[in-house]
PDB file of N, CA and C in Angstrom:
ATOM      1  N   MET A   1      31.985 337.166 162.695  1.00  0.00           N
ATOM      2  CA  MET A   1      32.334 336.123 161.767  1.00  0.00           C
ATOM      3  C   MET A   1      33.352 336.732 160.679  1.00  0.00           C
ATOM      4  N   LYS A   2      33.299 338.078 160.595  1.00  0.00           N
ATOM      5  CA  LYS A   2      34.258 338.625 159.540  1.00  0.00           C
ATOM      6  C   LYS A   2      35.623 338.678 160.106  1.00  0.00           C
ATOM      7  N   SER A   3      35.874 338.786 161.247  1.00  0.00           N
ATOM      8  CA  SER A   3      37.157 338.795 162.024  1.00  0.00           C
ATOM      9  C   SER A   3      37.678 337.200 161.990  1.00  0.00           C
ATOM     10  N   PHE A   4      36.848 336.213 162.125  1.00  0.00           N
ATOM     11  CA  PHE A   4      37.021 334.652 161.931  1.00  0.00           C
ATOM     12  C   PHE A   4      37.818 334.510 160.743  1.00  0.00           C
ATOM     13  N   ARG A   5      36.918 335.039 159.617  1.00  0.00           N
ATOM     14  CA  ARG A   5      37.402 334.827 158.375  1.00  0.00           C
ATOM     15  C   ARG A   5      38.831 335.374 157.945  1.00  0.00           C
ATOM     16  N   ASN A   6      38.873 336.638 158.420  1.00  0.00           N
ATOM     17  CA  ASN A   6      40.339 337.231 158.261  1.00  0.00           C
ATOM     18  C   ASN A   6      41.344 336.429 158.867  1.00  0.00           C
ATOM     19  N   VAL A   7      41.025 336.023 160.229  1.00  0.00           N
ATOM     20  CA  VAL A   7      42.117 335.164 160.685  1.00  0.00           C
ATOM     21  C   VAL A   7      42.404 333.837 160.327  1.00  0.00           C
ATOM     22  N   SER A   8      41.505 333.310 159.552  1.00  0.00           N
ATOM     23  CA  SER A   8      41.491 332.032 158.809  1.00  0.00           C
ATOM     24  C   SER A   8      42.542 332.265 157.692  1.00  0.00           C
ATOM     25  N   ILE A   9      42.352 333.366 156.925  1.00  0.00           N
ATOM     26  CA  ILE A   9      43.143 333.530 155.763  1.00  0.00           C
ATOM     27  C   ILE A   9      44.457 333.928 156.248  1.00  0.00           C
ATOM     28  N   VAL A  10      44.766 334.551 157.170  1.00  0.00           N
ATOM     29  CA  VAL A  10      46.175 334.956 157.642  1.00  0.00           C
ATOM     30  C   VAL A  10      46.922 333.607 158.064  1.00  0.00           C
ATOM     31  N   VAL A  11      46.233 332.766 158.655  1.00  0.00           N
ATOM     32  CA  VAL A  11      46.756 331.451 159.085  1.00  0.00           C
ATOM     33  C   VAL A  11      47.026 330.622 157.955  1.00  0.00           C
ATOM     34  N   LEU A  12      46.061 330.552 157.085  1.00  0.00           N
ATOM     35  CA  LEU A  12      46.293 329.785 155.594  1.00  0.00           C
ATOM     36  C   LEU A  12      47.548 330.345 154.993  1.00  0.00           C
ATOM     37  N   MET A  13      47.823 331.749 154.817  1.00  0.00           N
ATOM     38  CA  MET A  13      48.685 332.261 154.307  1.00  0.00           C
ATOM     39  C   MET A  13      50.351 331.880 155.060  1.00  0.00           C
ATOM     40  N   LEU A  14      49.926 332.041 156.334  1.00  0.00           N
ATOM     41  CA  LEU A  14      51.425 331.553 156.941  1.00  0.00           C
ATOM     42  C   LEU A  14      51.690 330.015 156.618  1.00  0.00           C
ATOM     43  N   LEU A  15      50.717 329.182 156.638  1.00  0.00           N
ATOM     44  CA  LEU A  15      51.047 327.746 156.648  1.00  0.00           C
ATOM     45  C   LEU A  15      51.428 327.478 155.242  1.00  0.00           C
ATOM     46  N   THR A  16      51.018 328.260 154.124  1.00  0.00           N
ATOM     47  CA  THR A  16      51.441 327.970 152.714  1.00  0.00           C
ATOM     48  C   THR A  16      53.129 328.380 152.696  1.00  0.00           C
ATOM     49  N   ASN A  17      53.422 329.256 153.304  1.00  0.00           N
ATOM     50  CA  ASN A  17      54.841 329.734 153.195  1.00  0.00           C
ATOM     51  C   ASN A  17      55.764 328.650 153.664  1.00  0.00           C
ATOM     52  N   HIS A  18      55.074 327.977 154.792  1.00  0.00           N
ATOM     53  CA  HIS A  18      56.038 326.825 155.215  1.00  0.00           C
ATOM     54  C   HIS A  18      56.265 325.665 154.339  1.00  0.00           C
ATOM     55  N   VAL A  19      55.107 325.333 153.605  1.00  0.00           N
ATOM     56  CA  VAL A  19      55.011 324.487 152.428  1.00  0.00           C
ATOM     57  C   VAL A  19      55.793 324.744 151.509  1.00  0.00           C
ATOM     58  N   TRP A  20      55.948 325.799 150.908  1.00  0.00           N
ATOM     59  CA  TRP A  20      56.852 326.372 149.814  1.00  0.00           C
ATOM     60  C   TRP A  20      58.196 326.329 150.162  1.00  0.00           C
ATOM     61  N   ALA A  21      58.720 326.503 151.459  1.00  0.00           N
ATOM     62  CA  ALA A  21      59.977 326.331 152.108  1.00  0.00           C
ATOM     63  C   ALA A  21      60.605 324.842 151.964  1.00  0.00           C
ATOM     64  N   TYR A  22      59.825 324.070 151.808  1.00  0.00           N
ATOM     65  CA  TYR A  22      60.376 322.552 151.605  1.00  0.00           C
ATOM     66  C   TYR A  22      60.873 322.389 150.078  1.00  0.00           C
ATOM     67  N   GLY A  23      60.217 322.893 149.214  1.00  0.00           N
ATOM     68  CA  GLY A  23      60.542 322.928 147.816  1.00  0.00           C
ATOM     69  C   GLY A  23      60.619 321.377 147.345  1.00  0.00           C
ATOM     70  N   GLY A  24      60.555 321.300 145.983  1.00  0.00           N
ATOM     71  CA  GLY A  24      60.398 320.163 145.249  1.00  0.00           C
ATOM     72  C   GLY A  24      61.471 319.278 145.332  1.00  0.00           C
ATOM     73  N   GLY A  25      62.685 319.776 144.623  1.00  0.00           N
ATOM     74  CA  GLY A  25      63.998 319.084 144.921  1.00  0.00           C
ATOM     75  C   GLY A  25      64.041 317.967 143.891  1.00  0.00           C
ATOM     76  N   GLY A  26      62.962 317.760 142.900  1.00  0.00           N
ATOM     77  CA  GLY A  26      63.034 316.706 141.995  1.00  0.00           C
ATOM     78  C   GLY A  26      63.544 316.876 140.703  1.00  0.00           C
ATOM     79  N   SER A  27      63.891 318.250 140.521  1.00  0.00           N
ATOM     80  CA  SER A  27      64.251 318.675 139.201  1.00  0.00           C
ATOM     81  C   SER A  27      65.877 319.080 139.401  1.00  0.00           C
ATOM     82  N   SER A  28      66.634 318.206 139.788  1.00  0.00           N
ATOM     83  CA  SER A  28      67.962 318.602 139.927  1.00  0.00           C
ATOM     84  C   SER A  28      68.790 318.492 138.558  1.00  0.00           C
ATOM     85  N   SER A  29      69.654 319.166 138.369  1.00  0.00           N
ATOM     86  CA  SER A  29      70.273 319.014 137.148  1.00  0.00           C
ATOM     87  C   SER A  29      71.466 318.334 137.135  1.00  0.00           C
ATOM     88  N   ALA A  30      71.878 317.898 138.355  1.00  0.00           N
ATOM     89  CA  ALA A  30      73.160 316.877 138.664  1.00  0.00           C
ATOM     90  C   ALA A  30      72.465 315.492 138.252  1.00  0.00           C
ATOM     91  N   LYS A  31      73.591 314.580 137.464  1.00  0.00           N
ATOM     92  CA  LYS A  31      73.222 313.308 137.134  1.00  0.00           C
ATOM     93  C   LYS A  31      73.833 312.279 138.000  1.00  0.00           C
ATOM     94  N   ALA A  32      73.210 311.366 138.165  1.00  0.00           N
ATOM     95  CA  ALA A  32      73.674 310.273 139.030  1.00  0.00           C
ATOM     96  C   ALA A  32      74.944 309.704 138.691  1.00  0.00           C
ATOM     97  N   CYS A  33      75.906 309.146 139.544  1.00  0.00           N
ATOM     98  CA  CYS A  33      77.103 308.566 139.078  1.00  0.00           C
ATOM     99  C   CYS A  33      76.884 307.130 138.848  1.00  0.00           C
ATOM    100  N   ALA A  34      77.126 306.600 137.648  1.00  0.00           N
ATOM    101  CA  ALA A  34      77.005 305.224 137.248  1.00  0.00           C
ATOM    102  C   ALA A  34      78.495 304.775 137.002  1.00  0.00           C
ATOM    103  N   LYS A  35      79.112 304.060 137.961  1.00  0.00           N
ATOM    104  CA  LYS A  35      80.617 303.647 138.006  1.00  0.00           C
ATOM    105  C   LYS A  35      80.874 302.605 136.780  1.00  0.00           C
ATOM    106  N   PRO A  36      82.013 302.759 136.328  1.00  0.00           N
ATOM    107  CA  PRO A  36      82.280 301.597 135.361  1.00  0.00           C
ATOM    108  C   PRO A  36      82.236 300.171 136.329  1.00  0.00           C
ATOM    109  N   LYS A  37      81.691 298.984 135.586  1.00  0.00           N
ATOM    110  CA  LYS A  37      81.798 297.851 136.245  1.00  0.00           C
ATOM    111  C   LYS A  37      82.731 296.978 135.380  1.00  0.00           C
ATOM    112  N   PHE A  38      83.100 295.907 136.223  1.00  0.00           N
ATOM    113  CA  PHE A  38      84.113 294.950 135.548  1.00  0.00           C
ATOM    114  C   PHE A  38      83.751 293.502 136.050  1.00  0.00           C
ATOM    115  N   SER A  39      83.850 292.536 134.663  1.00  0.00           N
ATOM    116  CA  SER A  39      83.201 291.205 135.036  1.00  0.00           C
ATOM    117  C   SER A  39      83.977 290.179 134.064  1.00  0.00           C
ATOM    118  N   GLU A  40      83.373 289.167 134.189  1.00  0.00           N
ATOM    119  CA  GLU A  40      83.999 288.013 133.265  1.00  0.00           C
ATOM    120  C   GLU A  40      85.515 287.932 133.129  1.00  0.00           C
ATOM    121  N   PHE A  41      86.053 287.809 134.339  1.00  0.00           N
ATOM    122  CA  PHE A  41      87.580 287.810 134.441  1.00  0.00           C
ATOM    123  C   PHE A  41      88.119 286.377 134.007  1.00  0.00           C
ATOM    124  N   THR A  42      88.984 286.260 133.293  1.00  0.00           N
ATOM    125  CA  THR A  42      89.638 285.073 132.771  1.00  0.00           C
ATOM    126  C   THR A  42      91.138 285.323 132.942  1.00  0.00           C
ATOM    127  N   PRO A  43      91.900 284.510 133.482  1.00  0.00           N
ATOM    128  CA  PRO A  43      91.483 283.012 134.209  1.00  0.00           C
ATOM    129  C   PRO A  43      90.585 283.593 135.443  1.00  0.00           C
ATOM    130  N   GLY A  44      89.896 282.686 136.010  1.00  0.00           N
ATOM    131  CA  GLY A  44      88.993 283.070 137.172  1.00  0.00           C
ATOM    132  C   GLY A  44      89.658 283.422 138.598  1.00  0.00           C
ATOM    133  N   GLU A  45      89.010 283.899 139.579  1.00  0.00           N
ATOM    134  CA  GLU A  45      89.476 284.367 140.701  1.00  0.00           C
ATOM    135  C   GLU A  45      90.440 283.148 141.419  1.00  0.00           C
ATOM    136  N   LYS A  46      91.701 283.413 141.809  1.00  0.00           N
ATOM    137  CA  LYS A  46      92.502 282.446 142.516  1.00  0.00           C
ATOM    138  C   LYS A  46      93.054 281.344 141.606  1.00  0.00           C
ATOM    139  N   ALA A  47      92.725 281.566 140.342  1.00  0.00           N
ATOM    140  CA  ALA A  47      93.367 280.358 139.507  1.00  0.00           C
ATOM    141  C   ALA A  47      94.933 280.317 139.420  1.00  0.00           C
ATOM    142  N   GLN A  48      95.468 279.122 139.216  1.00  0.00           N
ATOM    143  CA  GLN A  48      96.922 279.193 139.026  1.00  0.00           C
ATOM    144  C   GLN A  48      97.357 279.216 137.679  1.00  0.00           C
ATOM    145  N   VAL A  49      98.262 280.250 137.388  1.00  0.00           N
ATOM    146  CA  VAL A  49      98.547 280.398 135.966  1.00  0.00           C
ATOM    147  C   VAL A  49     100.127 280.313 135.780  1.00  0.00           C
ATOM    148  N   ALA A  50     100.677 280.119 134.839  1.00  0.00           N
ATOM    149  CA  ALA A  50     101.894 280.400 134.389  1.00  0.00           C
ATOM    150  C   ALA A  50     102.581 281.684 134.233  1.00  0.00           C
ATOM    151  N   ALA A  51     103.744 281.989 134.444  1.00  0.00           N
ATOM    152  CA  ALA A  51     104.211 283.643 134.315  1.00  0.00           C
ATOM    153  C   ALA A  51     103.964 283.933 132.889  1.00  0.00           C
ATOM    154  N   LYS A  52     103.720 285.230 132.763  1.00  0.00           N
ATOM    155  CA  LYS A  52     103.355 285.852 131.543  1.00  0.00           C
ATOM    156  C   LYS A  52     102.249 285.693 131.041  1.00  0.00           C
ATOM    157  N   SER A  53     101.305 284.829 131.571  1.00  0.00           N
ATOM    158  CA  SER A  53     100.116 284.468 130.962  1.00  0.00           C
ATOM    159  C   SER A  53      99.243 285.523 130.658  1.00  0.00           C
ATOM    160  N   GLU A  54      98.320 285.273 129.646  1.00  0.00           N
ATOM    161  CA  GLU A  54      97.168 286.255 129.322  1.00  0.00           C
ATOM    162  C   GLU A  54      96.130 286.314 130.140  1.00  0.00           C
ATOM    163  N   PHE A  55      95.491 287.325 130.265  1.00  0.00           N
ATOM    164  CA  PHE A  55      94.245 287.643 131.049  1.00  0.00           C
ATOM    165  C   PHE A  55      93.243 288.423 130.178  1.00  0.00           C
ATOM    166  N   SER A  56      91.955 288.338 130.718  1.00  0.00           N
ATOM    167  CA  SER A  56      91.029 289.353 130.080  1.00  0.00           C
ATOM    168  C   SER A  56      89.964 289.420 130.889  1.00  0.00           C
ATOM    169  N   PHE A  57      89.012 290.513 130.737  1.00  0.00           N
ATOM    170  CA  PHE A  57      87.956 291.061 131.669  1.00  0.00           C
ATOM    171  C   PHE A  57      87.120 291.824 130.612  1.00  0.00           C
ATOM    172  N   THR A  58      85.818 292.155 131.012  1.00  0.00           N
ATOM    173  CA  THR A  58      84.898 292.826 130.299  1.00  0.00           C
ATOM    174  C   THR A  58      84.583 293.953 131.236  1.00  0.00           C
ATOM    175  N   ALA A  59      84.553 295.241 130.611  1.00  0.00           N
ATOM    176  CA  ALA A  59      84.160 296.421 131.338  1.00  0.00           C
ATOM    177  C   ALA A  59      82.919 296.857 130.641  1.00  0.00           C
ATOM    178  N   SER A  60      82.097 297.590 131.472  1.00  0.00           N
ATOM    179  CA  SER A  60      80.804 297.873 131.261  1.00  0.00           C
ATOM    180  C   SER A  60      80.665 298.895 129.999  1.00  0.00           C
ATOM    181  N   ALA A  61      79.506 299.258 129.374  1.00  0.00           N
ATOM    182  CA  ALA A  61      79.456 300.183 128.333  1.00  0.00           C
ATOM    183  C   ALA A  61      79.653 301.359 128.793  1.00  0.00           C
ATOM    184  N   ASN A  62      79.556 301.924 130.065  1.00  0.00           N
ATOM    185  CA  ASN A  62      79.520 303.233 130.273  1.00  0.00           C
ATOM    186  C   ASN A  62      81.041 303.453 130.814  1.00  0.00           C
ATOM    187  N   THR A  63      82.046 302.800 130.303  1.00  0.00           N
ATOM    188  CA  THR A  63      83.467 302.944 130.691  1.00  0.00           C
ATOM    189  C   THR A  63      84.230 303.809 129.693  1.00  0.00           C
ATOM    190  N   TYR A  64      84.787 304.681 129.790  1.00  0.00           N
ATOM    191  CA  TYR A  64      85.569 305.379 128.853  1.00  0.00           C
ATOM    192  C   TYR A  64      86.940 304.510 128.409  1.00  0.00           C
ATOM    193  N   PRO A  65      87.148 303.791 127.388  1.00  0.00           N
ATOM    194  CA  PRO A  65      87.987 302.766 127.185  1.00  0.00           C
ATOM    195  C   PRO A  65      89.278 303.303 127.218  1.00  0.00           C
ATOM    196  N   GLU A  66      89.631 304.653 126.761  1.00  0.00           N
ATOM    197  CA  GLU A  66      90.930 305.296 126.873  1.00  0.00           C
ATOM    198  C   GLU A  66      91.273 305.300 128.182  1.00  0.00           C
ATOM    199  N   SER A  67      90.470 305.438 129.286  1.00  0.00           N
ATOM    200  CA  SER A  67      90.897 305.598 130.782  1.00  0.00           C
ATOM    201  C   SER A  67      91.261 304.332 131.429  1.00  0.00           C
ATOM    202  N   ILE A  68      90.954 303.278 130.622  1.00  0.00           N
ATOM    203  CA  ILE A  68      91.195 301.881 131.368  1.00  0.00           C
ATOM    204  C   ILE A  68      92.982 301.684 131.844  1.00  0.00           C
ATOM    205  N   LYS A  69      93.166 301.596 133.055  1.00  0.00           N
ATOM    206  CA  LYS A  69      94.522 301.392 133.660  1.00  0.00           C
ATOM    207  C   LYS A  69      94.545 300.201 134.283  1.00  0.00           C
ATOM    208  N   VAL A  70      95.520 299.205 133.841  1.00  0.00           N
ATOM    209  CA  VAL A  70      95.852 297.938 134.499  1.00  0.00           C
ATOM    210  C   VAL A  70      97.144 297.910 135.323  1.00  0.00           C
ATOM    211  N   THR A  71      97.379 297.319 136.557  1.00  0.00           N
ATOM    212  CA  THR A  71      98.456 297.172 137.262  1.00  0.00           C
ATOM    213  C   THR A  71      98.684 295.898 137.939  1.00  0.00           C
ATOM    214  N   VAL A  72      99.768 295.347 138.164  1.00  0.00           N
ATOM    215  CA  VAL A  72     100.000 294.115 138.567  1.00  0.00           C
ATOM    216  C   VAL A  72     101.238 294.394 139.550  1.00  0.00           C
ATOM    217  N   LYS A  73     101.095 294.242 140.760  1.00  0.00           N
ATOM    218  CA  LYS A  73     102.238 294.621 141.774  1.00  0.00           C
ATOM    219  C   LYS A  73     102.508 295.965 141.552  1.00  0.00           C
ATOM    220  N   SER A  74     101.714 296.984 141.289  1.00  0.00           N
ATOM    221  CA  SER A  74     102.142 298.536 140.936  1.00  0.00           C
ATOM    222  C   SER A  74     102.849 298.783 139.615  1.00  0.00           C
ATOM    223  N   ILE A  75     102.993 297.520 138.752  1.00  0.00           N
ATOM    224  CA  ILE A  75     103.705 297.642 137.583  1.00  0.00           C
ATOM    225  C   ILE A  75     102.491 297.909 136.321  1.00  0.00           C
ATOM    226  N   PRO A  76     102.491 299.053 135.603  1.00  0.00           N
ATOM    227  CA  PRO A  76     101.536 298.988 134.626  1.00  0.00           C
ATOM    228  C   PRO A  76     101.628 298.050 133.591  1.00  0.00           C
ATOM    229  N   VAL A  77     100.345 297.626 133.050  1.00  0.00           N
ATOM    230  CA  VAL A  77     100.218 296.799 132.069  1.00  0.00           C
ATOM    231  C   VAL A  77      99.511 297.217 130.850  1.00  0.00           C
ATOM    232  N   ALA A  78     100.315 296.920 129.723  1.00  0.00           N
ATOM    233  CA  ALA A  78      99.644 297.462 128.561  1.00  0.00           C
ATOM    234  C   ALA A  78      98.495 296.386 128.223  1.00  0.00           C
ATOM    235  N   VAL A  79      97.372 296.959 127.600  1.00  0.00           N
ATOM    236  CA  VAL A  79      96.266 296.209 127.400  1.00  0.00           C
ATOM    237  C   VAL A  79      95.546 296.459 126.047  1.00  0.00           C
ATOM    238  N   LYS A  80      94.861 295.714 125.535  1.00  0.00           N
ATOM    239  CA  LYS A  80      94.187 295.912 124.123  1.00  0.00           C
ATOM    240  C   LYS A  80      92.808 295.991 124.555  1.00  0.00           C
ATOM    241  N   VAL A  81      92.043 297.003 124.185  1.00  0.00           N
ATOM    242  CA  VAL A  81      90.743 297.016 124.274  1.00  0.00           C
ATOM    243  C   VAL A  81      89.759 297.044 123.135  1.00  0.00           C
ATOM    244  N   GLU A  82      88.594 296.210 123.087  1.00  0.00           N
ATOM    245  CA  GLU A  82      87.906 295.814 121.914  1.00  0.00           C
ATOM    246  C   GLU A  82      86.557 296.171 122.082  1.00  0.00           C
ATOM    247  N   ASP A  83      85.913 296.864 121.283  1.00  0.00           N
ATOM    248  CA  ASP A  83      84.373 297.396 121.637  1.00  0.00           C
ATOM    249  C   ASP A  83      83.663 296.135 121.136  1.00  0.00           C
ATOM    250  N   LYS A  84      82.740 295.747 122.163  1.00  0.00           N
ATOM    251  CA  LYS A  84      81.814 294.714 121.783  1.00  0.00           C
ATOM    252  C   LYS A  84      80.374 295.250 121.299  1.00  0.00           C
ATOM    253  N   LYS A  85      80.526 295.928 120.119  1.00  0.00           N
ATOM    254  CA  LYS A  85      79.320 296.669 119.604  1.00  0.00           C
ATOM    255  C   LYS A  85      78.345 297.360 120.451  1.00  0.00           C
ATOM    256  N   GLY A  86      79.165 298.274 121.263  1.00  0.00           N
ATOM    257  CA  GLY A  86      78.370 299.231 122.093  1.00  0.00           C
ATOM    258  C   GLY A  86      77.967 298.691 123.238  1.00  0.00           C
ATOM    259  N   THR A  87      77.826 297.328 123.723  1.00  0.00           N
ATOM    260  CA  THR A  87      77.375 296.581 124.786  1.00  0.00           C
ATOM    261  C   THR A  87      78.247 296.590 125.996  1.00  0.00           C
ATOM    262  N   ALA A  88      79.543 296.470 125.662  1.00  0.00           N
ATOM    263  CA  ALA A  88      80.617 296.611 126.561  1.00  0.00           C
ATOM    264  C   ALA A  88      82.124 296.477 125.860  1.00  0.00           C
ATOM    265  N   PHE A  89      82.969 296.422 126.636  1.00  0.00           N
ATOM    266  CA  PHE A  89      84.563 296.463 126.230  1.00  0.00           C
ATOM    267  C   PHE A  89      85.171 295.273 126.685  1.00  0.00           C
ATOM    268  N   LYS A  90      85.932 294.587 125.799  1.00  0.00           N
ATOM    269  CA  LYS A  90      86.786 293.431 126.004  1.00  0.00           C
ATOM    270  C   LYS A  90      88.063 293.854 126.102  1.00  0.00           C
ATOM    271  N   VAL A  91      88.597 293.583 127.342  1.00  0.00           N
ATOM    272  CA  VAL A  91      90.208 294.063 127.710  1.00  0.00           C
ATOM    273  C   VAL A  91      90.988 292.941 127.857  1.00  0.00           C
ATOM    274  N   SER A  92      91.925 292.971 127.352  1.00  0.00           N
ATOM    275  CA  SER A  92      92.975 291.728 127.510  1.00  0.00           C
ATOM    276  C   SER A  92      94.391 292.401 127.652  1.00  0.00           C
ATOM    277  N   GLY A  93      95.338 291.514 128.234  1.00  0.00           N
ATOM    278  CA  GLY A  93      96.504 291.950 128.396  1.00  0.00           C
ATOM    279  C   GLY A  93      97.558 290.817 128.993  1.00  0.00           C
ATOM    280  N   LYS A  94      98.630 291.000 129.414  1.00  0.00           N
ATOM    281  CA  LYS A  94      99.609 289.635 129.744  1.00  0.00           C
ATOM    282  C   LYS A  94     100.349 290.103 131.060  1.00  0.00           C
ATOM    283  N   LEU A  95     100.485 289.199 131.948  1.00  0.00           N
ATOM    284  CA  LEU A  95     101.181 289.466 133.085  1.00  0.00           C
ATOM    285  C   LEU A  95     102.636 289.895 132.890  1.00  0.00           C
ATOM    286  N   PRO A  96     102.850 290.610 133.566  1.00  0.00           N
ATOM    287  CA  PRO A  96     104.600 291.537 133.423  1.00  0.00           C
ATOM    288  C   PRO A  96     105.610 290.520 133.762  1.00  0.00           C
ATOM    289  N   ASP A  97     106.741 290.847 133.346  1.00  0.00           N
ATOM    290  CA  ASP A  97     108.013 289.824 133.343  1.00  0.00           C
ATOM    291  C   ASP A  97     108.325 290.024 134.957  1.00  0.00           C
ATOM    292  N   GLY A  98     108.945 288.897 135.758  1.00  0.00           N
ATOM    293  CA  GLY A  98     109.392 289.073 136.914  1.00  0.00           C
ATOM    294  C   GLY A  98     108.279 288.824 137.927  1.00  0.00           C
ATOM    295  N   VAL A  99     107.152 288.440 137.538  1.00  0.00           N
ATOM    296  CA  VAL A  99     106.089 288.012 138.433  1.00  0.00           C
ATOM    297  C   VAL A  99     105.887 286.575 138.327  1.00  0.00           C
ATOM    298  N   THR A 100     106.589 285.835 139.332  1.00  0.00           N
ATOM    299  CA  THR A 100     106.521 284.402 139.349  1.00  0.00           C
ATOM    300  C   THR A 100     106.311 283.961 140.967  1.00  0.00           C
ATOM    301  N   ASN A 101     105.774 282.627 141.159  1.00  0.00           N
ATOM    302  CA  ASN A 101     105.847 282.028 142.311  1.00  0.00           C
ATOM    303  C   ASN A 101     105.186 282.987 143.520  1.00  0.00           C
ATOM    304  N   ASP A 102     103.936 283.661 143.129  1.00  0.00           N
ATOM    305  CA  ASP A 102     103.412 284.515 144.086  1.00  0.00           C
ATOM    306  C   ASP A 102     101.800 284.633 143.636  1.00  0.00           C
ATOM    307  N   PHE A 103     101.119 285.153 144.800  1.00  0.00           N
ATOM    308  CA  PHE A 103      99.780 285.595 144.532  1.00  0.00           C
ATOM    309  C   PHE A 103      99.874 286.951 143.990  1.00  0.00           C
ATOM    310  N   VAL A 104      99.238 287.545 142.890  1.00  0.00           N
ATOM    311  CA  VAL A 104      99.171 288.846 142.436  1.00  0.00           C
ATOM    312  C   VAL A 104      97.685 289.221 142.178  1.00  0.00           C
ATOM    313  N   ARG A 105      97.545 290.594 142.420  1.00  0.00           N
ATOM    314  CA  ARG A 105      96.280 290.944 142.090  1.00  0.00           C
ATOM    315  C   ARG A 105      96.378 291.814 140.849  1.00  0.00           C
ATOM    316  N   ILE A 106      95.474 291.473 139.975  1.00  0.00           N
ATOM    317  CA  ILE A 106      95.226 292.540 138.834  1.00  0.00           C
ATOM    318  C   ILE A 106      94.216 293.637 139.108  1.00  0.00           C
ATOM    319  N   ASN A 107      94.723 295.009 139.154  1.00  0.00           N
ATOM    320  CA  ASN A 107      93.990 296.147 139.611  1.00  0.00           C
ATOM    321  C   ASN A 107      93.497 296.713 138.478  1.00  0.00           C
ATOM    322  N   ILE A 108      92.400 297.072 138.443  1.00  0.00           N
ATOM    323  CA  ILE A 108      91.622 297.916 137.247  1.00  0.00           C
ATOM    324  C   ILE A 108      91.291 299.268 137.786  1.00  0.00           C
ATOM    325  N   ASN A 109      91.389 300.367 137.036  1.00  0.00           N
ATOM    326  CA  ASN A 109      90.861 301.725 137.256  1.00  0.00           C
ATOM    327  C   ASN A 109      90.425 302.077 135.870  1.00  0.00           C
ATOM    328  N   ALA A 110      89.134 302.726 136.017  1.00  0.00           N
ATOM    329  CA  ALA A 110      88.731 303.240 134.703  1.00  0.00           C
ATOM    330  C   ALA A 110      87.697 304.536 135.155  1.00  0.00           C
ATOM    331  N   ASP A 111      87.477 305.428 134.308  1.00  0.00           N
ATOM    332  CA  ASP A 111      86.590 306.501 134.447  1.00  0.00           C
ATOM    333  C   ASP A 111      85.234 306.177 133.693  1.00  0.00           C
ATOM    334  N   GLY A 112      84.139 306.605 133.897  1.00  0.00           N
ATOM    335  CA  GLY A 112      83.068 306.618 133.412  1.00  0.00           C
ATOM    336  C   GLY A 112      82.282 308.056 133.272  1.00  0.00           C
ATOM    337  N   ALA A 113      81.188 308.095 132.854  1.00  0.00           N
ATOM    338  CA  ALA A 113      80.366 309.044 132.623  1.00  0.00           C
ATOM    339  C   ALA A 113      80.348 310.092 133.969  1.00  0.00           C
ATOM    340  N   ASN A 114      80.325 311.453 133.791  1.00  0.00           N
ATOM    341  CA  ASN A 114      80.143 312.264 135.035  1.00  0.00           C
ATOM    342  C   ASN A 114      81.198 312.016 135.953  1.00  0.00           C
ATOM    343  N   LYS A 115      82.530 311.769 135.338  1.00  0.00           N
ATOM    344  CA  LYS A 115      83.616 311.787 136.312  1.00  0.00           C
ATOM    345  C   LYS A 115      83.608 310.627 137.292  1.00  0.00           C
ATOM    346  N   CYS A 116      82.817 309.823 136.986  1.00  0.00           N
ATOM    347  CA  CYS A 116      82.756 308.558 138.044  1.00  0.00           C
ATOM    348  C   CYS A 116      83.715 307.622 137.717  1.00  0.00           C
ATOM    349  N   LYS A 117      84.404 307.130 138.902  1.00  0.00           N
ATOM    350  CA  LYS A 117      85.654 306.153 138.784  1.00  0.00           C
ATOM    351  C   LYS A 117      85.135 304.883 139.214  1.00  0.00           C
ATOM    352  N   GLY A 118      85.506 304.066 138.527  1.00  0.00           N
ATOM    353  CA  GLY A 118      85.345 302.734 138.830  1.00  0.00           C
ATOM    354  C   GLY A 118      86.555 301.852 139.256  1.00  0.00           C
ATOM    355  N   THR A 119      86.541 300.905 139.914  1.00  0.00           N
ATOM    356  CA  THR A 119      87.831 300.012 140.410  1.00  0.00           C
ATOM    357  C   THR A 119      87.361 298.626 140.560  1.00  0.00           C
ATOM    358  N   GLY A 120      88.194 297.763 140.267  1.00  0.00           N
ATOM    359  CA  GLY A 120      88.074 296.397 140.324  1.00  0.00           C
ATOM    360  C   GLY A 120      89.288 295.553 140.250  1.00  0.00           C
ATOM    361  N   GLY A 121      89.234 294.148 140.041  1.00  0.00           N
ATOM    362  CA  GLY A 121      90.220 293.349 140.139  1.00  0.00           C
ATOM    363  C   GLY A 121      89.967 292.118 140.548  1.00  0.00           C
ATOM    364  N   TRP A 122      91.064 291.132 140.538  1.00  0.00           N
ATOM    365  CA  TRP A 122      90.960 289.880 140.923  1.00  0.00           C
ATOM    366  C   TRP A 122      92.414 289.102 141.324  1.00  0.00           C
ATOM    367  N   LEU A 123      92.390 288.198 142.063  1.00  0.00           N
ATOM    368  CA  LEU A 123      93.664 287.549 142.429  1.00  0.00           C
ATOM    369  C   LEU A 123      93.991 286.252 141.497  1.00  0.00           C
ATOM    370  N   LEU A 124      95.269 286.022 141.187  1.00  0.00           N
ATOM    371  CA  LEU A 124      95.668 284.946 140.473  1.00  0.00           C
ATOM    372  C   LEU A 124      97.146 284.363 141.168  1.00  0.00           C
ATOM    373  N   LYS A 125      97.236 282.834 141.180  1.00  0.00           N
ATOM    374  CA  LYS A 125      98.462 282.695 141.511  1.00  0.00           C
ATOM    375  C   LYS A 125      99.242 282.336 140.653  1.00  0.00           C
ATOM    376  N   VAL A 126     100.451 282.733 140.641  1.00  0.00           N
ATOM    377  CA  VAL A 126     101.391 282.793 139.455  1.00  0.00           C
ATOM    378  C   VAL A 126     102.472 281.707 139.844  1.00  0.00           C
ATOM    379  N   ALA A 127     102.438 280.727 139.022  1.00  0.00           N
ATOM    380  CA  ALA A 127     103.469 279.406 139.317  1.00  0.00           C
ATOM    381  C   ALA A 127     104.808 279.984 138.690  1.00  0.00           C
ATOM    382  N   GLN A 128     105.928 279.209 139.084  1.00  0.00           N
ATOM    383  CA  GLN A 128     107.328 279.427 138.550  1.00  0.00           C
ATOM    384  C   GLN A 128     107.613 279.345 136.993  1.00  0.00           C
TER     385      GLN A 128
END
């Protein structure tokens, strides 16, 4: 009976080592990536607009406003960024010169917390 008890203890000790090897993994110090998001595009997707028209969109609150970059046909566009009381950022700009009679994509790139990069954009048809 004593040998059975000793064997049981050894078996239990071996099993617990295997269980501890799996670890918890729940207390990681790394934070999740929350990419910046873009919405409320004005004018809307595929709308027809005049050359040099103004456009705007909203960037989520986790966006670093100084990192927002907008391009149209690889041309950098100057934008104005307004804080919407900590809930989001309203971003506005104007289509660059020389963009006429074509579909163009307004491309958006920005950084957020934990070096997360967000991208977005939409298409517009620019009249002559």
